[in-house]
Protein backbone atom coordinates (compact mmCIF):
# COMPACT_ATOMS: atom_id res chain seq x y z
CA MET A 1 152.20 137.85 135.94
CA GLY A 2 155.66 137.28 134.40
CA SER A 3 156.40 137.26 130.72
CA ARG A 4 157.87 134.72 128.41
CA GLU A 5 161.16 136.66 128.54
CA ASP A 6 162.57 135.88 131.99
CA ARG A 7 166.12 136.92 131.07
CA ILE A 8 167.71 139.82 129.26
CA VAL A 9 170.75 138.79 127.19
CA TRP A 10 170.01 135.27 128.51
CA ILE A 11 171.49 136.35 131.89
CA PHE A 12 169.79 139.21 133.74
CA PRO A 13 166.62 138.28 135.69
CA ASN A 14 163.50 139.78 134.15
CA TYR A 15 160.38 138.64 136.00
CA GLN A 16 158.49 141.90 135.80
CA THR A 17 158.13 142.60 132.08
CA VAL A 18 154.78 142.18 130.39
CA ASP A 19 153.57 143.24 126.97
CA GLU A 20 151.46 146.34 127.47
CA ALA A 21 148.74 145.07 125.16
CA ASN A 22 148.39 141.78 127.11
CA SER A 23 148.89 143.06 130.65
CA LYS A 24 146.69 142.03 133.53
CA PRO A 25 145.15 145.29 134.76
CA VAL A 26 146.02 144.93 138.46
CA ILE A 27 148.30 142.55 140.28
CA SER A 28 147.98 141.63 143.94
CA SER A 29 150.33 142.49 146.77
CA ARG A 30 151.39 138.86 146.73
CA ASP A 31 152.27 139.13 143.02
CA LYS A 32 154.40 142.21 143.75
CA LEU A 33 156.24 140.39 146.51
CA THR A 34 156.74 137.37 144.24
CA ILE A 35 158.37 139.57 141.57
CA ALA A 36 160.81 141.03 144.14
CA ILE A 37 161.68 137.61 145.57
CA LYS A 38 162.22 136.04 142.14
CA ASP A 39 164.47 138.93 141.08
CA SER A 40 166.45 138.59 144.33
CA VAL A 41 166.99 134.81 144.45
CA ASP A 42 167.31 134.11 140.73
CA PRO A 43 170.51 132.08 140.14
CA TYR A 44 171.86 134.80 137.87
CA ALA A 45 171.38 137.49 140.53
CA PHE A 46 174.53 136.13 142.18
CA PRO A 47 176.92 136.61 139.23
CA VAL A 48 175.38 140.05 138.62
CA ALA A 49 176.34 140.96 142.20
CA GLY A 50 179.81 139.59 141.43
CA MET A 51 180.03 141.86 138.40
CA PHE A 52 179.20 144.94 140.49
CA ALA A 53 181.64 143.82 143.19
CA GLY A 54 184.34 143.45 140.52
CA ILE A 55 183.69 146.95 139.20
CA ASN A 56 183.83 148.39 142.73
CA TYR A 57 187.02 146.43 143.43
CA ALA A 58 188.67 147.69 140.22
CA GLU A 59 187.72 151.26 141.16
CA ASP A 60 189.13 150.66 144.68
CA ARG A 61 185.86 151.64 146.35
CA ASP A 62 185.47 151.14 150.08
CA ALA A 63 189.22 151.35 150.65
CA SER A 64 188.87 150.75 154.39
CA TRP A 65 187.95 147.13 153.58
CA GLY A 66 191.58 146.54 152.58
CA GLN A 67 192.63 144.51 149.54
CA GLY A 68 192.55 140.97 148.17
CA THR A 69 189.90 138.30 148.33
CA ASP A 70 188.67 139.46 151.73
CA LYS A 71 187.81 142.87 150.29
CA TYR A 72 186.19 141.32 147.22
CA GLY A 73 184.07 139.09 149.46
CA LYS A 74 182.83 142.08 151.43
CA LEU A 75 182.11 143.99 148.22
CA TYR A 76 180.26 140.97 146.83
CA PHE A 77 177.96 140.59 149.84
CA ALA A 78 177.38 144.37 149.92
CA ALA A 79 176.41 144.33 146.22
CA LEU A 80 174.10 141.35 146.82
CA ALA A 81 172.51 143.15 149.78
CA ASP A 82 172.17 146.34 147.68
CA GLN A 83 170.29 144.60 144.89
CA THR A 84 168.12 142.58 147.27
CA LEU A 85 167.14 145.69 149.26
CA SER A 86 166.43 147.56 146.04
CA ASN A 87 164.24 144.72 144.72
CA VAL A 88 162.27 144.25 147.94
CA LEU A 89 161.71 147.97 148.53
CA SER A 90 161.12 149.25 144.97
CA GLU A 91 159.28 146.18 143.58
CA ALA A 92 157.27 145.10 146.64
CA ALA A 93 157.17 147.28 149.79
CA PHE A 94 156.71 150.70 148.16
CA PRO A 95 154.42 149.47 145.33
CA ILE A 96 152.21 147.71 147.89
CA ALA A 97 152.11 150.74 150.21
CA LEU A 98 151.59 153.25 147.37
CA SER A 99 149.29 151.09 145.18
CA GLN A 100 151.71 151.22 142.25
CA ASP A 101 152.56 148.53 139.72
CA PRO A 102 156.25 147.51 139.67
CA ARG A 103 156.05 145.78 136.30
CA TYR A 104 157.62 147.09 133.11
CA PHE A 105 154.96 147.39 130.43
CA ARG A 106 156.74 146.69 127.15
CA LEU A 107 155.43 148.89 124.33
CA GLY A 108 156.75 146.64 121.54
CA ARG A 109 155.61 148.87 118.68
CA GLY A 110 156.65 152.10 116.98
CA GLY A 111 160.01 153.46 115.91
CA PHE A 112 163.29 153.04 117.74
CA TRP A 113 163.42 156.54 119.28
CA HIS A 114 159.78 156.45 120.33
CA ARG A 115 160.27 153.12 122.10
CA ALA A 116 163.63 154.13 123.60
CA GLY A 117 162.07 157.33 124.99
CA TYR A 118 159.13 155.36 126.36
CA ALA A 119 161.50 152.86 128.04
CA ALA A 120 163.67 155.59 129.57
CA MET A 121 160.60 157.38 130.97
CA ARG A 122 159.38 154.26 132.82
CA VAL A 123 161.83 155.04 135.61
CA PHE A 124 159.84 158.24 136.14
CA VAL A 125 156.33 157.11 135.20
CA THR A 126 154.55 153.95 136.29
CA ARG A 127 151.03 152.59 136.33
CA GLY A 128 149.01 152.92 139.49
CA ASP A 129 146.77 150.11 140.63
CA SER A 130 143.95 152.39 139.46
CA GLY A 131 145.27 151.99 135.91
CA GLY A 132 146.42 155.60 135.43
CA ALA A 133 149.94 156.92 134.91
CA GLN A 134 151.69 158.20 138.05
CA PHE A 135 155.09 159.48 139.05
CA ASN A 136 157.15 156.39 139.96
CA PHE A 137 157.46 157.08 143.69
CA SER A 138 158.18 153.38 144.23
CA GLU A 139 161.31 153.50 142.07
CA PHE A 140 162.70 156.63 143.68
CA GLY A 141 161.48 156.05 147.23
CA GLY A 142 162.39 152.37 147.26
CA ASN A 143 165.89 152.96 145.93
CA ALA A 144 166.45 155.97 148.22
CA ALA A 145 165.45 153.85 151.22
CA ALA A 146 167.70 151.00 150.01
CA ALA A 147 170.66 153.36 149.58
CA ALA A 148 170.11 154.80 153.06
CA ALA A 149 169.78 151.33 154.61
CA SER A 150 173.01 150.26 152.94
CA ASP A 151 174.87 152.53 155.34
CA LEU A 152 174.21 149.84 157.96
CA TYR A 153 176.69 147.46 156.34
CA TYR A 154 179.19 149.66 154.50
CA PRO A 155 182.34 150.70 156.40
CA ARG A 156 181.96 153.70 158.69
CA ASP A 157 184.45 155.74 156.61
CA ASP A 158 182.29 155.22 153.51
CA ARG A 159 178.97 156.24 155.08
CA THR A 160 178.93 159.65 153.49
CA PHE A 161 176.11 161.48 151.80
CA GLY A 162 178.09 161.34 148.54
CA ASN A 163 178.55 157.55 148.65
CA THR A 164 174.90 156.98 149.57
CA ALA A 165 173.80 159.31 146.74
CA THR A 166 176.10 157.43 144.35
CA ARG A 167 174.51 154.09 145.28
CA PHE A 168 171.05 155.61 144.76
CA ALA A 169 171.99 157.15 141.38
CA THR A 170 173.69 153.93 140.25
CA GLN A 171 170.55 151.91 140.94
CA ILE A 172 168.30 154.42 139.15
CA GLY A 173 170.69 154.45 136.18
CA PHE A 174 170.87 150.66 136.10
CA ASP A 175 167.06 150.43 136.21
CA LEU A 176 166.74 152.94 133.36
CA PHE A 177 169.24 150.96 131.28
CA ALA A 178 167.43 147.72 132.20
CA ASP A 179 164.10 149.17 131.03
CA VAL A 180 165.62 149.89 127.62
CA GLY A 181 166.90 146.30 127.58
CA LYS A 182 163.45 144.99 128.51
CA GLU A 183 161.90 146.96 125.67
CA PHE A 184 164.29 145.81 122.94
CA TRP A 185 165.64 142.43 124.06
CA PRO A 186 162.82 140.37 122.48
CA ASP A 187 163.49 142.13 119.14
CA VAL A 188 167.25 141.53 119.40
CA LYS A 189 166.67 137.92 120.39
CA ASN A 190 164.36 137.32 117.42
CA TRP A 191 166.84 139.03 115.08
CA LEU A 192 169.70 136.84 116.37
CA ARG A 193 167.61 133.69 115.95
CA SER A 194 166.79 134.62 112.35
CA ARG A 195 170.49 135.13 111.57
CA PHE A 196 171.90 132.00 113.22
């Protein structure tokens, strides 16, 4: 199910990437749930949440949470909840319900722009359990549901349509960027190893 590359830049969890040429045609519901759980409880998921909390703290988001370490703690647990909800909904619940495959199928061949375009489009296009290409309803629906659910734990003053839309757009953007990383990280890693 997973690939040999379980981390991007040796840090970011990457349990859902497979080489397109070697991919198992269909994965089970249990496999989909396993991917979401591994992405959520990976030891590096916690510092990644800390990074997002730090960015939100520096931008003074969620001002009603005050200042200092108390605010950072709330931002940290909100970021951790955001990424866990996103993983569970867009990598397990929606793919199971919609018979879509949450894995990233690494192309691994062709020119830079061809591969970069392919990687960027994976946010919009995924493989159905039938094997055909489909609009990635799991990515958009799962992250929309996660953004809406996040209003349960963000401060009342910050439960606006704009803030919810920003959380949704941030997750989609991060996933798009991550797909490009998944496509090229093995090449970068091999290049670095050959140089050092």
